[in-house]
Amino acid sequence: MDFVILIAGIAGLWLGTELTIGGALAIARRHQLSEFFVGLVILSIGSDLPELAIAVDAGIKGLMGQDASGVVIGSSVGSVIAQIGFVLGLGAVISCLTLPKSFVLKHGSVLLGATVLLFLVALDGHVSRTEGLILITMYIIYVTALMNGSTSPEEDPIRLAHGGIRSWLLLLAGLGTVIISSEITVSSVIDIAKTFEISEALISVLIIGLGTSLPELSISISAILKKRTQMSVGNIIGSNILDTLLPIGITALITGMTFERQLLYFDLPFIFVLTAVVLAFFYIRKGVTRPEGLVILGFYFTYVAVKLLQF
């Protein structure tokens, strides 16, 4: 029954995210916001609502004396690996993915740097409130620099007839669904971990990590099919930077959190290596085609197999 509740919680997170993004896009279009702003703020942050909601809920549980650090860290780490390993690998199998070298250098280095920063703040096995604030600050600096350095505002704003009261109701319904689903998800993971005496982080990495990546999968595959592959890859990289810094930073800022040694010494180095390999494909080979996509998928399924052996 706990597994059924967990699946229901993840499905609710996906549904709530879809409703939220749909409502927010309609509102943004009604107010004639640029496509750049919509893509950067709404799609990037909106698609990561599940991880952010789980982080806040876990932080509140921490204040009540119930440590849910493993759920937050596991879901964030699992989401990053699922996105760059499964979603991007699958996308490359479907279509050749390309990025400008300047984008690879700028945003790729930020993603690698975010992974190193998370490793350093968690090196003692604990992420304090101060360290959580550092992670959040780094993300804010990144987004601010990205928006200030953009040349996209010259584009025509997106226009749409909708975006009135119906869109606001859709947005509120989506946010409410995400909040309720995050509570269901976190609680079910804790119950499953207690029942089977296994790590919360392990369940979160394998199940929640992939489940909460569904919005990115939907956005990326849709963009690829519409021949907008750079939007697809950009969404994944931007989302991974957020996942690496913000959810863990928010929970740590609320209550502080513990960081399992297995995640610190295996999962984070794996993320760094996988990310470096993917960025090298983009920079050196000038794109990721089907063979490279299969290599990336191979990395992902090898990782999953190793994690399953830990059960």
Protein backbone atom coordinates (compact mmCIF):
# COMPACT_ATOMS: atom_id res chain seq x y z
CA MET A 1 0.00 0.00 0.00
CA ASP A 2 2.88 2.38 0.77
CA PHE A 3 4.23 1.85 -2.76
CA VAL A 4 0.79 2.59 -4.22
CA ILE A 5 0.63 5.80 -2.18
CA LEU A 6 4.14 6.72 -3.37
CA ILE A 7 3.19 6.27 -7.02
CA ALA A 8 0.03 8.32 -6.42
CA GLY A 9 2.14 11.06 -4.84
CA ILE A 10 4.56 11.16 -7.78
CA ALA A 11 1.63 11.20 -10.24
CA GLY A 12 0.16 14.11 -8.28
CA LEU A 13 3.47 15.98 -8.48
CA TRP A 14 3.52 15.51 -12.24
CA LEU A 15 -0.12 16.56 -12.68
CA GLY A 16 0.28 19.57 -10.40
CA THR A 17 3.39 20.68 -12.28
CA GLU A 18 1.63 20.40 -15.64
CA LEU A 19 -1.32 22.45 -14.34
CA THR A 20 0.98 25.06 -12.81
CA ILE A 21 3.11 25.48 -15.93
CA GLY A 22 0.01 25.65 -18.13
CA GLY A 23 -1.59 28.34 -16.00
CA ALA A 24 1.62 30.33 -15.62
CA LEU A 25 2.32 30.26 -19.36
CA ALA A 26 -1.16 31.53 -20.14
CA ILE A 27 -0.79 34.37 -17.62
CA ALA A 28 2.66 35.26 -18.96
CA ARG A 29 1.37 35.34 -22.51
CA ARG A 30 -1.60 37.49 -21.57
CA HIS A 31 0.79 40.01 -20.04
CA GLN A 32 3.04 39.84 -23.13
CA LEU A 33 6.16 38.58 -21.38
CA SER A 34 9.07 37.55 -23.60
CA GLU A 35 9.68 33.94 -24.59
CA PHE A 36 13.10 34.16 -22.92
CA PHE A 37 11.54 35.08 -19.58
CA VAL A 38 8.90 32.39 -19.93
CA GLY A 39 11.51 29.75 -20.74
CA LEU A 40 14.00 30.75 -18.06
CA VAL A 41 11.69 31.45 -15.15
CA ILE A 42 8.47 29.54 -15.75
CA LEU A 43 9.58 26.40 -17.58
CA SER A 44 12.88 25.96 -15.72
CA ILE A 45 11.61 26.65 -12.20
CA GLY A 46 8.11 25.35 -12.93
CA SER A 47 9.37 21.95 -14.08
CA ASP A 48 11.34 21.67 -10.83
CA LEU A 49 8.35 22.34 -8.58
CA PRO A 50 8.26 18.71 -7.37
CA GLU A 51 11.81 18.86 -6.02
CA LEU A 52 11.23 22.29 -4.46
CA ALA A 53 7.95 21.21 -2.83
CA ILE A 54 9.61 18.08 -1.44
CA ALA A 55 12.45 20.24 -0.07
CA VAL A 56 10.10 22.60 1.78
CA ASP A 57 7.98 19.75 3.14
CA ALA A 58 11.08 17.88 4.33
CA GLY A 59 12.39 21.05 5.98
CA ILE A 60 9.13 21.48 7.89
CA LYS A 61 9.30 17.83 8.98
CA GLY A 62 12.84 18.50 10.19
CA LEU A 63 11.60 21.34 12.40
CA MET A 64 9.11 18.86 13.87
CA GLY A 65 11.91 16.45 14.73
CA GLN A 66 11.57 14.06 11.77
CA ASP A 67 14.71 13.94 9.62
CA ALA A 68 13.84 13.61 5.93
CA SER A 69 17.25 14.66 4.57
CA GLY A 70 17.60 11.47 2.55
CA VAL A 71 14.39 12.16 0.64
CA VAL A 72 15.50 15.65 -0.42
CA ILE A 73 19.06 14.74 -1.33
CA GLY A 74 18.04 11.50 -3.01
CA SER A 75 15.32 13.11 -5.11
CA SER A 76 17.62 15.97 -6.17
CA VAL A 77 20.54 13.67 -7.04
CA GLY A 78 18.24 11.16 -8.73
CA SER A 79 16.56 13.89 -10.75
CA VAL A 80 19.88 15.27 -12.00
CA ILE A 81 21.10 11.82 -13.07
CA ALA A 82 17.74 10.93 -14.66
CA GLN A 83 17.67 14.16 -16.65
CA ILE A 84 21.22 14.16 -17.96
CA GLY A 85 21.44 10.36 -18.29
CA PHE A 86 17.98 9.20 -19.32
CA VAL A 87 16.17 12.27 -20.72
CA LEU A 88 19.15 13.72 -22.61
CA GLY A 89 20.35 10.28 -23.73
CA LEU A 90 16.90 9.40 -25.04
CA GLY A 91 16.68 12.78 -26.75
CA ALA A 92 19.96 12.13 -28.57
CA VAL A 93 18.69 8.76 -29.78
CA ILE A 94 15.64 10.52 -31.24
CA SER A 95 17.48 13.45 -32.83
CA CYS A 96 20.95 15.02 -33.01
CA LEU A 97 21.38 17.52 -30.16
CA THR A 98 23.59 20.57 -30.62
CA LEU A 99 24.67 23.53 -28.48
CA PRO A 100 26.89 26.55 -29.19
CA LYS A 101 30.36 26.19 -27.66
CA SER A 102 29.83 29.40 -25.70
CA PHE A 103 26.73 27.87 -24.07
CA VAL A 104 28.61 24.67 -23.22
CA LEU A 105 31.46 26.60 -21.61
CA LYS A 106 29.27 29.03 -19.69
CA HIS A 107 26.45 26.87 -18.40
CA GLY A 108 28.33 23.58 -18.40
CA SER A 109 31.03 25.05 -16.16
CA VAL A 110 28.33 26.35 -13.81
CA LEU A 111 26.75 22.90 -13.60
CA LEU A 112 30.11 21.24 -12.87
CA GLY A 113 30.91 24.00 -10.38
CA ALA A 114 27.57 23.51 -8.62
CA THR A 115 28.32 19.79 -8.22
CA VAL A 116 31.75 20.56 -6.74
CA LEU A 117 30.25 23.18 -4.40
CA LEU A 118 27.64 20.72 -3.14
CA PHE A 119 30.37 18.12 -2.55
CA LEU A 120 32.44 20.62 -0.55
CA VAL A 121 29.61 21.84 1.69
CA ALA A 122 28.55 18.22 2.37
CA LEU A 123 32.07 16.90 2.95
CA ASP A 124 31.60 16.71 6.73
CA GLY A 125 28.32 14.79 6.30
CA HIS A 126 26.19 17.75 7.28
CA VAL A 127 24.79 20.79 5.43
CA SER A 128 24.24 23.64 7.86
CA ARG A 129 21.88 26.59 7.55
CA THR A 130 24.81 28.81 6.52
CA GLU A 131 25.87 26.34 3.84
CA GLY A 132 22.26 26.09 2.67
CA LEU A 133 22.20 29.87 2.32
CA ILE A 134 25.40 29.70 0.27
CA LEU A 135 23.82 27.21 -2.15
CA ILE A 136 20.71 29.37 -2.55
CA THR A 137 22.79 32.53 -3.02
CA MET A 138 24.88 30.89 -5.74
CA TYR A 139 21.72 29.97 -7.66
CA ILE A 140 20.29 33.48 -7.31
CA ILE A 141 23.57 34.97 -8.57
CA TYR A 142 23.53 32.60 -11.55
CA VAL A 143 19.93 33.42 -12.54
CA THR A 144 20.47 37.16 -12.05
CA ALA A 145 23.61 37.13 -14.21
CA LEU A 146 21.81 35.04 -16.83
CA MET A 147 18.89 37.45 -17.06
CA ASN A 148 21.06 40.57 -17.05
CA GLY A 149 23.32 39.16 -19.74
CA SER A 150 20.52 38.14 -22.06
CA THR A 151 19.96 39.80 -25.40
CA SER A 152 16.56 38.16 -25.82
CA PRO A 153 14.27 41.03 -24.72
CA GLU A 154 14.33 42.41 -28.29
CA GLU A 155 12.14 39.52 -29.40
CA ASP A 156 8.42 39.96 -29.83
CA PRO A 157 6.44 39.16 -26.70
CA ILE A 158 4.26 36.06 -26.70
CA ARG A 159 0.62 36.86 -27.17
CA LEU A 160 -2.37 34.71 -26.29
CA ALA A 161 -6.01 35.49 -25.81
CA HIS A 162 -6.30 33.40 -22.66
CA GLY A 163 -4.75 34.07 -19.27
CA GLY A 164 -7.69 35.42 -17.28
CA ILE A 165 -9.40 34.03 -14.19
CA ARG A 166 -9.38 30.49 -15.59
CA SER A 167 -5.58 30.55 -15.86
CA TRP A 168 -5.21 31.82 -12.29
CA LEU A 169 -7.48 29.03 -11.05
CA LEU A 170 -5.40 26.54 -13.03
CA LEU A 171 -2.22 27.92 -11.47
CA LEU A 172 -3.64 27.75 -7.93
CA ALA A 173 -5.01 24.25 -8.49
CA GLY A 174 -1.61 23.12 -9.76
CA LEU A 175 0.27 24.60 -6.80
CA GLY A 176 -2.20 23.05 -4.37
CA THR A 177 -1.82 19.65 -6.04
CA VAL A 178 1.98 19.89 -5.85
CA ILE A 179 1.92 20.82 -2.16
CA ILE A 180 -0.44 17.98 -1.19
CA SER A 181 1.40 15.47 -3.39
CA SER A 182 4.78 16.42 -1.92
CA GLU A 183 3.48 15.63 1.59
CA ILE A 184 2.13 12.27 0.36
CA THR A 185 5.40 11.46 -1.42
CA VAL A 186 7.73 12.32 1.45
CA SER A 187 5.59 10.53 4.04
CA SER A 188 5.27 7.37 1.92
CA VAL A 189 9.04 7.20 1.34
CA ILE A 190 9.68 7.49 5.09
CA ASP A 191 7.13 4.73 5.78
CA ILE A 192 8.61 2.43 3.11
CA ALA A 193 12.14 2.98 4.40
CA LYS A 194 11.05 2.10 7.96
CA THR A 195 9.11 -0.97 6.83
CA PHE A 196 11.90 -2.48 4.74
CA GLU A 197 14.79 -0.99 6.74
CA ILE A 198 16.43 0.58 3.70
CA SER A 199 17.73 4.05 3.02
CA GLU A 200 15.25 6.82 2.24
CA ALA A 201 17.86 8.27 -0.10
CA LEU A 202 18.06 5.04 -2.11
CA ILE A 203 14.30 4.98 -2.73
CA SER A 204 14.33 8.68 -3.57
CA VAL A 205 17.23 8.37 -6.04
CA LEU A 206 15.66 5.53 -8.02
CA ILE A 207 11.93 6.26 -7.84
CA ILE A 208 11.32 9.91 -6.96
CA GLY A 209 14.33 11.11 -8.97
CA LEU A 210 12.99 9.58 -12.17
CA GLY A 211 9.36 10.39 -11.35
CA THR A 212 10.00 14.08 -10.72
CA SER A 213 11.92 14.28 -14.01
CA LEU A 214 8.72 13.64 -15.98
CA PRO A 215 8.07 17.39 -16.56
CA GLU A 216 11.57 17.83 -18.02
CA LEU A 217 11.08 14.68 -20.11
CA SER A 218 7.79 16.01 -21.46
CA ILE A 219 9.21 19.47 -22.22
CA SER A 220 12.43 18.14 -23.77
CA ILE A 221 10.87 15.50 -26.01
CA SER A 222 8.24 18.01 -27.16
CA ALA A 223 10.98 20.54 -28.01
CA ILE A 224 13.00 17.90 -29.88
CA LEU A 225 9.99 16.84 -31.96
CA LYS A 226 9.46 20.50 -32.85
CA LYS A 227 13.15 20.71 -33.94
CA ARG A 228 14.02 23.04 -31.05
CA THR A 229 16.79 20.85 -29.65
CA GLN A 230 18.73 23.70 -28.06
CA MET A 231 15.68 24.57 -25.95
CA SER A 232 15.50 20.94 -24.88
CA VAL A 233 19.15 20.70 -23.82
CA GLY A 234 19.10 24.16 -22.28
CA ASN A 235 16.09 23.23 -20.15
CA ILE A 236 17.87 20.12 -18.87
CA ILE A 237 21.09 21.93 -17.99
CA GLY A 238 19.26 24.83 -16.33
CA SER A 239 17.05 22.42 -14.42
CA ASN A 240 20.06 20.42 -13.23
CA ILE A 241 21.77 23.54 -11.90
CA LEU A 242 18.60 24.32 -9.94
CA ASP A 243 18.29 20.74 -8.66
CA THR A 244 21.89 20.71 -7.48
CA LEU A 245 21.67 23.94 -5.51
CA LEU A 246 18.15 24.97 -4.57
CA PRO A 247 16.23 22.02 -3.01
CA ILE A 248 19.11 21.01 -0.71
CA GLY A 249 19.83 24.66 0.05
CA ILE A 250 16.20 25.35 1.00
CA THR A 251 15.91 22.35 3.32
CA ALA A 252 19.28 23.07 4.93
CA LEU A 253 18.29 26.70 5.47
CA ILE A 254 15.11 25.62 7.24
CA THR A 255 16.50 22.92 9.48
CA GLY A 256 19.99 21.73 8.46
CA MET A 257 20.45 18.24 7.05
CA THR A 258 22.65 15.15 7.03
CA PHE A 259 24.34 13.85 3.87
CA GLU A 260 24.88 10.11 3.46
CA ARG A 261 28.45 9.00 2.67
CA GLN A 262 27.27 6.80 -0.21
CA LEU A 263 25.68 9.78 -1.95
CA LEU A 264 28.73 11.93 -1.25
CA TYR A 265 31.42 9.55 -2.47
CA PHE A 266 29.59 7.69 -5.26
CA ASP A 267 26.57 9.61 -6.56
CA LEU A 268 28.06 13.12 -6.70
CA PRO A 269 31.31 11.95 -8.39
CA PHE A 270 29.15 9.97 -10.84
CA ILE A 271 27.16 13.14 -11.65
CA PHE A 272 30.42 15.05 -12.22
CA VAL A 273 31.87 12.38 -14.55
CA LEU A 274 28.62 11.90 -16.50
CA THR A 275 28.18 15.66 -16.89
CA ALA A 276 31.78 16.08 -18.05
CA VAL A 277 31.35 13.30 -20.64
CA VAL A 278 28.12 14.84 -21.98
CA LEU A 279 29.65 18.33 -22.17
CA ALA A 280 32.70 16.89 -23.96
CA PHE A 281 30.40 15.33 -26.56
CA PHE A 282 28.80 18.72 -27.17
CA TYR A 283 32.08 20.66 -27.25
CA ILE A 284 34.46 18.29 -29.02
CA ARG A 285 32.11 16.38 -31.31
CA LYS A 286 29.88 19.44 -31.89
CA GLY A 287 26.75 17.55 -31.01
CA VAL A 288 25.29 14.44 -29.48
CA THR A 289 24.01 11.89 -32.00
CA ARG A 290 22.51 8.41 -31.60
CA PRO A 291 25.78 6.59 -30.75
CA GLU A 292 26.64 9.14 -28.06
CA GLY A 293 23.05 8.99 -26.81
CA LEU A 294 23.37 5.22 -26.39
CA VAL A 295 26.61 5.72 -24.43
CA ILE A 296 24.85 8.21 -22.14
CA LEU A 297 21.93 5.81 -21.65
CA GLY A 298 24.50 3.10 -20.88
CA PHE A 299 25.91 5.28 -18.09
CA TYR A 300 22.42 5.78 -16.68
CA PHE A 301 21.37 2.14 -16.69
CA THR A 302 24.72 1.09 -15.22
CA TYR A 303 24.10 3.56 -12.40
CA VAL A 304 20.59 2.18 -11.84
CA ALA A 305 21.92 -1.39 -11.76
CA VAL A 306 24.54 -0.46 -9.15
CA LYS A 307 21.90 1.26 -6.99
CA LEU A 308 19.53 -1.73 -7.26
CA LEU A 309 22.28 -3.97 -5.92
CA GLN A 310 22.21 -1.88 -2.73
CA PHE A 311 18.65 -3.04 -1.90
